[in-house]
Amino acid sequence: MTSLNDMHCHLGFMTNGEQVAVDACDAGTLLFCNTVSPGEWADARKRFAGFQNVIVGFGMHPWWVVGGNLVSRGSKERGESQRAARKQLLERARNRDVCENPQAELQRADVLSLLEEHEPRIIGEIGLDFGWSHADSYVEQLNMFSAIASWAAGKGGRLLSIHSVRAAAETFEILEDAGAMHSCACVFHWFTGPSDLLKRAVKAGCLFSCGPRMLATGKGREYVKAIPGKQILLETDAPPEQGVPYSFAELRSELESVAASIAAIKGEGVLDTIAETSKALLNT
C-alpha cells in the first residue's frame, strides 16, 4: 500500500501529539511538524526527539511576527472604518512609508542568531499574510521573511514550507531575489495565489502541499490538475485549533481523502510519486 505522509501539520498544537506520533509511526506515516515560532520549535524538538517519523521544522509564522504598532490589533474600530484603516496602512506599507516596530528588529536578530547556531535543514512554517487581520505587520513580515529566505538560500539545501495569503507576488519575489528558488526546495502550503503565479512557481520547480481545504474548492482542484505530479505533496494542516486533542485516525482519514481526490484528478500512479518525493525531501 502506498504510504501517505503529512507534509504540513502542527503536531505541537495537539495536546496528545506524542500518541498521534506513535500511531503514525506504526502506520509508516511521516509527519512534517511545522512550528509557528522559535520557542515552539525548541519545545517540539524536545517533545518529539524520540520519533524518527516526526520531522520538526524551524518556524516563524507571519502571525507571530512582532508588529502592528500603527493600527492596533485590539482596536475597537469595526466594519468599514476598520477595513479602510487597514487598507490605507497596507497601501502605505507597500510604498515603504511605514516605520518598522523596533521590537521586530530584535525579534529578527534573535531568529537569525538561532538559525546560525542550529542551522536547521527543515524550515516551516514561514511566509507572509496580508489578509486584513494581519496587514498592520506588513513591513515586519516582509523583513522577517526576506531575512529567513536569504539565510536559507545562502546555506542551500533547505526545505521551506511557506504560508502565503494575499501575498503570492511578494512571496515569490522574495524567494526569487534571495536565490531560494534555486538553492532550496520551496513548498507552497495551500497555495491560493493567482494562476499566473502558479505557472511561474511550477516552472521554477516549487512544490505544493495540498490539503482538504484546497481540494474542497473548484479553484484548488484546477490547480492540482495544473501542477505536475512530482511537485505535489499531501498535507492536513491539522489540528483545526491549538491546544486540543486529536487522533491519528482523524489525520489519516484526511490524508486518505486528499489522496483519493488527487488520484481522481491525476491518476492512481501519482500517489507513488508523491510518497517518493516526500521521503526524498525529508531525507528518510
Protein backbone atom coordinates (compact mmCIF):
# COMPACT_ATOMS: atom_id res chain seq x y z
CA MET A 1 0.00 0.00 0.00
CA THR A 2 1.29 3.47 -0.88
CA SER A 3 2.41 5.43 2.16
CA LEU A 4 0.57 8.68 2.84
CA ASN A 5 2.80 11.27 4.50
CA ASP A 6 1.66 14.55 6.03
CA MET A 7 3.92 17.31 4.73
CA HIS A 8 2.33 20.10 6.73
CA CYS A 9 0.76 19.58 10.14
CA HIS A 10 1.03 21.14 13.59
CA LEU A 11 1.71 18.19 15.84
CA GLY A 12 2.84 20.54 18.60
CA PHE A 13 -0.66 22.05 18.76
CA MET A 14 -2.10 18.66 19.76
CA THR A 15 -2.27 18.01 23.49
CA ASN A 16 -1.77 14.29 22.74
CA GLY A 17 0.79 14.79 19.97
CA GLU A 18 3.02 12.01 21.28
CA GLN A 19 0.26 9.41 20.89
CA VAL A 20 -0.50 10.65 17.38
CA ALA A 21 3.19 10.30 16.55
CA VAL A 22 3.26 6.74 17.92
CA ASP A 23 0.24 5.71 15.87
CA ALA A 24 1.65 7.41 12.77
CA CYS A 25 4.93 5.54 13.23
CA ASP A 26 3.09 2.23 13.48
CA ALA A 27 1.33 3.07 10.20
CA GLY A 28 4.56 4.10 8.46
CA THR A 29 3.45 7.73 8.13
CA LEU A 30 5.93 10.61 8.13
CA LEU A 31 4.85 13.84 9.80
CA PHE A 32 6.40 17.20 8.88
CA CYS A 33 5.64 19.08 12.11
CA ASN A 34 5.53 22.78 11.31
CA THR A 35 6.04 25.25 14.16
CA VAL A 36 5.00 28.88 14.42
CA SER A 37 7.84 30.39 16.47
CA PRO A 38 11.39 29.58 17.57
CA GLY A 39 10.04 28.89 21.06
CA GLU A 40 7.59 26.30 19.79
CA TRP A 41 10.33 24.82 17.60
CA ALA A 42 12.58 24.33 20.64
CA ASP A 43 9.74 22.71 22.59
CA ALA A 44 8.70 20.45 19.70
CA ARG A 45 12.27 19.29 19.09
CA LYS A 46 12.47 18.04 22.67
CA ARG A 47 8.93 16.69 22.73
CA PHE A 48 9.29 14.58 19.56
CA ALA A 49 13.01 13.82 19.68
CA GLY A 50 12.36 10.10 20.07
CA PHE A 51 10.19 9.78 16.95
CA GLN A 52 12.08 9.08 13.74
CA ASN A 53 8.91 9.61 11.72
CA VAL A 54 8.45 13.18 13.01
CA ILE A 55 10.49 15.93 11.36
CA VAL A 56 10.21 19.28 13.12
CA GLY A 57 10.57 22.49 11.12
CA PHE A 58 12.01 25.77 12.40
CA GLY A 59 9.05 28.12 12.31
CA MET A 60 8.45 31.86 12.22
CA HIS A 61 4.83 32.14 11.13
CA PRO A 62 3.77 35.60 9.89
CA TRP A 63 1.02 35.77 12.54
CA TRP A 64 3.70 35.58 15.22
CA VAL A 65 5.92 38.29 13.76
CA VAL A 66 6.09 41.30 16.08
CA GLY A 67 4.50 44.38 14.55
CA GLY A 68 1.34 46.33 14.04
CA ASN A 69 2.18 49.30 16.22
CA LEU A 70 0.40 51.77 13.93
CA VAL A 71 -3.00 50.10 13.83
CA SER A 72 -3.66 48.11 16.97
CA ARG A 73 -4.93 44.53 16.63
CA GLY A 74 -7.03 45.33 19.67
CA SER A 75 -8.68 48.32 18.03
CA LYS A 76 -12.34 48.91 18.85
CA GLU A 77 -12.96 50.03 15.29
CA ARG A 78 -15.27 47.73 13.37
CA GLY A 79 -16.75 47.32 9.93
CA GLU A 80 -15.95 49.76 7.15
CA SER A 81 -13.86 52.11 9.28
CA GLN A 82 -11.51 49.31 10.35
CA ARG A 83 -11.21 47.95 6.84
CA ALA A 84 -10.48 51.42 5.50
CA ALA A 85 -7.78 51.96 8.10
CA ARG A 86 -6.10 48.67 7.27
CA LYS A 87 -6.34 49.31 3.54
CA GLN A 88 -4.69 52.69 3.97
CA LEU A 89 -1.91 51.15 6.06
CA LEU A 90 -1.36 48.36 3.55
CA GLU A 91 -1.01 50.87 0.72
CA ARG A 92 1.44 52.96 2.75
CA ALA A 93 3.43 49.90 3.74
CA ARG A 94 3.73 48.73 0.15
CA ASN A 95 5.30 52.09 -0.59
CA ARG A 96 7.56 51.58 2.46
CA ASP A 97 6.02 54.67 4.07
CA VAL A 98 5.82 52.88 7.42
CA CYS A 99 8.48 52.53 10.10
CA GLU A 100 9.22 49.07 11.41
CA ASN A 101 8.36 48.26 15.01
CA PRO A 102 11.70 48.39 16.92
CA GLN A 103 10.81 45.13 18.68
CA ALA A 104 10.67 43.46 15.28
CA GLU A 105 14.33 44.24 14.68
CA LEU A 106 15.23 42.46 17.92
CA GLN A 107 13.00 39.52 17.02
CA ARG A 108 14.58 39.21 13.59
CA ALA A 109 18.09 39.35 15.08
CA ASP A 110 17.16 36.58 17.53
CA VAL A 111 15.74 34.43 14.73
CA LEU A 112 18.86 34.84 12.59
CA SER A 113 21.06 34.08 15.59
CA LEU A 114 19.19 30.82 16.22
CA LEU A 115 19.40 29.88 12.55
CA GLU A 116 23.16 30.40 12.57
CA GLU A 117 23.56 28.47 15.81
CA HIS A 118 21.47 25.43 14.88
CA GLU A 119 21.49 25.52 11.06
CA PRO A 120 18.16 23.68 10.66
CA ARG A 121 17.67 21.96 7.32
CA ILE A 122 13.88 21.83 7.65
CA ILE A 123 12.15 25.21 7.95
CA GLY A 124 8.45 25.89 8.35
CA GLU A 125 6.07 27.50 8.76
CA ILE A 126 7.32 30.81 7.38
CA GLY A 127 5.89 33.29 4.91
CA LEU A 128 3.59 36.26 4.51
CA ASP A 129 -0.04 37.00 5.35
CA PHE A 130 -1.56 40.26 4.15
CA GLY A 131 -5.15 39.46 4.96
CA TRP A 132 -6.99 42.23 6.80
CA SER A 133 -6.29 40.73 10.21
CA HIS A 134 -2.53 40.95 9.67
CA ALA A 135 -2.00 43.88 7.30
CA ASP A 136 -0.67 46.06 10.10
CA SER A 137 2.53 43.98 10.36
CA TYR A 138 3.20 44.13 6.61
CA VAL A 139 6.66 45.70 6.84
CA GLU A 140 7.80 43.47 9.71
CA GLN A 141 6.62 40.37 7.87
CA LEU A 142 8.46 41.37 4.72
CA ASN A 143 11.70 41.97 6.59
CA MET A 144 11.46 38.76 8.59
CA PHE A 145 10.62 36.57 5.60
CA SER A 146 13.34 38.20 3.50
CA ALA A 147 15.90 37.56 6.22
CA ILE A 148 14.98 33.88 6.59
CA ALA A 149 14.80 33.30 2.83
CA SER A 150 18.20 34.92 2.33
CA TRP A 151 19.73 32.84 5.12
CA ALA A 152 18.29 29.62 3.69
CA ALA A 153 19.38 30.48 0.15
CA GLY A 154 22.92 31.20 1.33
CA LYS A 155 23.17 27.87 3.11
CA GLY A 156 21.40 25.91 0.37
CA GLY A 157 19.75 22.51 0.56
CA ARG A 158 16.95 23.68 2.86
CA LEU A 159 13.30 22.62 2.76
CA LEU A 160 10.91 25.56 3.25
CA SER A 161 7.19 25.24 4.00
CA ILE A 162 5.65 28.56 3.04
CA HIS A 163 2.46 30.33 4.09
CA SER A 164 1.18 32.90 1.59
CA VAL A 165 -2.17 34.67 1.95
CA ARG A 166 -2.93 37.65 -0.30
CA ALA A 167 0.82 37.87 -0.74
CA ALA A 168 1.69 35.49 -3.56
CA ALA A 169 3.52 38.09 -5.65
CA GLU A 170 5.60 39.36 -2.73
CA THR A 171 6.36 35.83 -1.54
CA PHE A 172 7.50 34.75 -4.98
CA GLU A 173 9.60 37.89 -5.45
CA ILE A 174 11.41 37.48 -2.14
CA LEU A 175 12.21 33.80 -2.78
CA GLU A 176 13.40 34.57 -6.28
CA ASP A 177 15.52 37.58 -5.31
CA ALA A 178 17.10 35.71 -2.41
CA GLY A 179 18.02 32.78 -4.65
CA ALA A 180 16.00 30.33 -2.57
CA MET A 181 14.13 29.11 -5.64
CA HIS A 182 17.39 27.67 -6.96
CA SER A 183 19.19 26.51 -3.82
CA CYS A 184 16.29 25.23 -1.70
CA ALA A 185 13.11 23.16 -2.00
CA CYS A 186 10.31 25.71 -1.71
CA VAL A 187 6.91 24.24 -0.79
CA PHE A 188 3.83 26.44 -1.01
CA HIS A 189 1.39 25.33 1.67
CA TRP A 190 -2.24 25.56 0.48
CA PHE A 191 -1.48 27.84 -2.49
CA THR A 192 -4.29 30.32 -3.20
CA GLY A 193 -2.50 32.86 -5.37
CA PRO A 194 -3.39 33.79 -8.95
CA SER A 195 -2.96 31.30 -11.79
CA ASP A 196 -0.17 33.25 -13.48
CA LEU A 197 1.96 32.98 -10.33
CA LEU A 198 1.10 29.30 -10.05
CA LYS A 199 2.54 28.79 -13.53
CA ARG A 200 5.69 30.73 -12.63
CA ALA A 201 6.13 28.78 -9.41
CA VAL A 202 5.67 25.45 -11.20
CA LYS A 203 8.21 26.47 -13.82
CA ALA A 204 10.64 27.50 -11.08
CA GLY A 205 10.40 24.00 -9.60
CA CYS A 206 8.41 24.86 -6.47
CA LEU A 207 6.30 22.19 -4.76
CA PHE A 208 2.78 22.44 -3.41
CA SER A 209 1.34 20.72 -0.33
CA CYS A 210 -2.37 20.16 -0.91
CA GLY A 211 -4.92 19.52 1.81
CA PRO A 212 -8.64 19.13 2.40
CA ARG A 213 -9.47 22.83 2.19
CA MET A 214 -7.64 23.24 -1.10
CA LEU A 215 -9.32 20.20 -2.63
CA ALA A 216 -12.72 21.41 -1.43
CA THR A 217 -12.72 24.28 -3.94
CA GLY A 218 -13.02 24.26 -7.70
CA LYS A 219 -10.01 26.56 -7.95
CA GLY A 220 -7.95 24.24 -5.79
CA ARG A 221 -8.83 21.19 -7.90
CA GLU A 222 -7.97 23.08 -11.09
CA TYR A 223 -4.62 23.99 -9.60
CA VAL A 224 -3.93 20.34 -8.73
CA LYS A 225 -4.72 19.47 -12.32
CA ALA A 226 -2.15 22.04 -13.50
CA ILE A 227 0.66 21.00 -11.13
CA PRO A 228 2.91 18.12 -12.27
CA GLY A 229 2.60 15.05 -10.06
CA LYS A 230 6.24 15.22 -8.99
CA GLN A 231 5.59 18.66 -7.49
CA ILE A 232 2.54 17.69 -5.41
CA LEU A 233 2.59 16.75 -1.71
CA LEU A 234 -0.13 15.82 0.79
CA GLU A 235 -0.97 17.84 3.88
CA THR A 236 -3.65 18.11 6.55
CA ASP A 237 -2.68 21.35 8.39
CA ALA A 238 -4.18 19.56 11.41
CA PRO A 239 -5.38 20.15 14.07
CA PRO A 240 -8.13 22.71 13.40
CA GLU A 241 -7.18 24.70 16.50
CA GLN A 242 -4.37 24.97 19.01
CA GLY A 243 -4.34 23.17 22.34
CA VAL A 244 -6.79 20.40 21.54
CA PRO A 245 -6.54 16.59 21.43
CA TYR A 246 -6.53 14.95 18.04
CA SER A 247 -6.14 11.42 16.74
CA PHE A 248 -4.11 9.70 14.08
CA ALA A 249 -7.36 8.17 12.80
CA GLU A 250 -8.64 11.67 12.01
CA LEU A 251 -5.35 12.71 10.44
CA ARG A 252 -5.18 9.51 8.39
CA SER A 253 -8.76 9.99 7.21
CA GLU A 254 -7.88 13.47 5.94
CA LEU A 255 -4.80 12.16 4.14
CA GLU A 256 -6.83 9.39 2.51
CA SER A 257 -9.48 11.86 1.38
CA VAL A 258 -6.90 14.19 -0.13
CA ALA A 259 -5.07 11.30 -1.79
CA ALA A 260 -8.32 10.00 -3.30
CA SER A 261 -9.18 13.43 -4.69
CA ILE A 262 -5.73 13.90 -6.20
CA ALA A 263 -5.74 10.38 -7.65
CA ALA A 264 -9.13 11.07 -9.26
CA ILE A 265 -7.62 14.12 -10.96
CA LYS A 266 -4.11 12.86 -11.78
CA GLY A 267 -4.44 9.05 -11.80
CA GLU A 268 -3.59 6.47 -9.13
CA GLY A 269 0.08 6.33 -10.14
CA VAL A 270 0.66 9.84 -8.82
CA LEU A 271 0.41 8.64 -5.21
CA ASP A 272 3.60 6.59 -5.50
CA THR A 273 5.36 9.64 -6.95
CA ILE A 274 4.09 11.82 -4.09
CA ALA A 275 5.29 9.30 -1.48
CA GLU A 276 8.75 9.12 -3.06
CA THR A 277 9.03 12.91 -3.24
CA SER A 278 8.02 13.30 0.41
CA LYS A 279 10.61 10.80 1.62
CA ALA A 280 13.34 12.37 -0.51
CA LEU A 281 12.58 15.86 0.81
CA LEU A 282 12.70 14.70 4.42
CA ASN A 283 15.77 12.51 3.82
CA THR A 284 14.15 9.39 5.28
